[in-house]
Protein backbone atom coordinates (compact mmCIF):
# COMPACT_ATOMS: atom_id res chain seq x y z
CA MET A 1 129.53 10.59 100.33
CA THR A 2 129.66 14.08 101.82
CA ALA A 3 132.79 15.74 103.14
CA PRO A 4 133.19 15.81 106.92
CA GLN A 5 131.89 18.95 108.58
CA TYR A 6 133.76 20.76 111.33
CA ILE A 7 132.68 23.54 113.67
CA THR A 8 134.43 25.87 116.06
CA LEU A 9 134.42 25.27 119.80
CA THR A 10 132.18 28.30 120.24
CA ASN A 11 129.60 26.93 117.80
CA ALA A 12 129.76 23.47 119.38
CA SER A 13 129.30 25.06 122.80
CA LYS A 14 126.15 26.84 121.65
CA MET A 15 124.74 23.87 119.74
CA PHE A 16 125.28 21.29 122.46
CA ALA A 17 125.00 23.47 125.60
CA LEU A 18 128.49 22.57 126.80
CA SER A 19 131.11 24.89 128.20
CA LEU A 20 134.21 25.69 126.18
CA LYS A 21 136.30 24.15 128.98
CA THR A 22 134.39 20.86 128.71
CA LEU A 23 134.73 20.77 124.93
CA ARG A 24 138.48 21.45 125.17
CA ARG A 25 138.83 18.58 127.64
CA LEU A 26 136.78 16.19 125.48
CA PHE A 27 138.84 17.12 122.43
CA ASP A 28 142.19 16.91 124.22
CA ASP A 29 141.45 13.50 125.77
CA GLY A 30 140.23 12.11 122.43
CA THR A 31 136.56 11.68 123.37
CA ILE A 32 135.55 13.87 120.43
CA SER A 33 137.63 14.25 117.30
CA GLY A 34 138.61 17.05 115.02
CA TYR A 35 141.77 18.92 114.15
CA ARG A 36 143.75 22.00 115.02
CA THR A 37 144.21 24.85 112.57
CA GLU A 38 147.67 26.19 111.80
CA GLY A 39 146.97 28.85 114.43
CA GLY A 40 146.20 26.15 117.04
CA HIS A 41 142.42 26.57 117.13
CA ARG A 42 140.34 23.43 117.54
CA ARG A 43 137.75 22.38 114.98
CA ILE A 44 135.29 19.74 116.14
CA SER A 45 133.85 17.05 113.89
CA LEU A 46 130.05 17.23 113.80
CA GLU A 47 129.95 13.47 113.29
CA SER A 48 132.11 12.98 116.38
CA MET A 49 129.74 15.19 118.41
CA ARG A 50 126.73 13.25 117.09
CA GLN A 51 128.32 9.96 118.15
CA PHE A 52 129.24 11.38 121.56
CA VAL A 53 125.66 12.53 122.14
CA GLU A 54 124.17 9.22 121.02
CA ARG A 55 126.43 7.29 123.41
CA ASP A 56 125.09 9.07 126.44
CA ASP A 57 121.30 9.25 126.74
CA ALA A 58 121.57 11.13 130.03
CA PHE A 59 123.59 13.78 128.25
CA VAL A 60 120.92 14.13 125.58
CA LEU A 61 118.14 14.47 128.13
CA ASP A 62 120.11 17.08 130.05
CA VAL A 63 120.77 19.15 126.91
CA LEU A 64 117.10 18.96 125.92
CA HIS A 65 116.11 20.07 129.40
CA ARG A 66 118.53 23.01 129.35
CA MET A 67 117.20 24.02 125.94
CA GLY A 68 113.65 23.95 127.28
CA LEU A 69 112.64 21.14 124.92
CA ARG A 70 111.80 18.58 127.59
């Protein structure tokens, strides 16, 4: 079993074509999980993001479209 992987909000924003504001809201309302560093910065679980994306096919299609892949 591999250790959970976490990414910064900035990296998640770039990877999933979401604004930082949206990612903050999703994290704060518990839609995506992760943790806060001692300095208060959010770290997002990659597994949580994967599950979020898989739950919403429309979201996936929109991201692919914005990335020019569809």
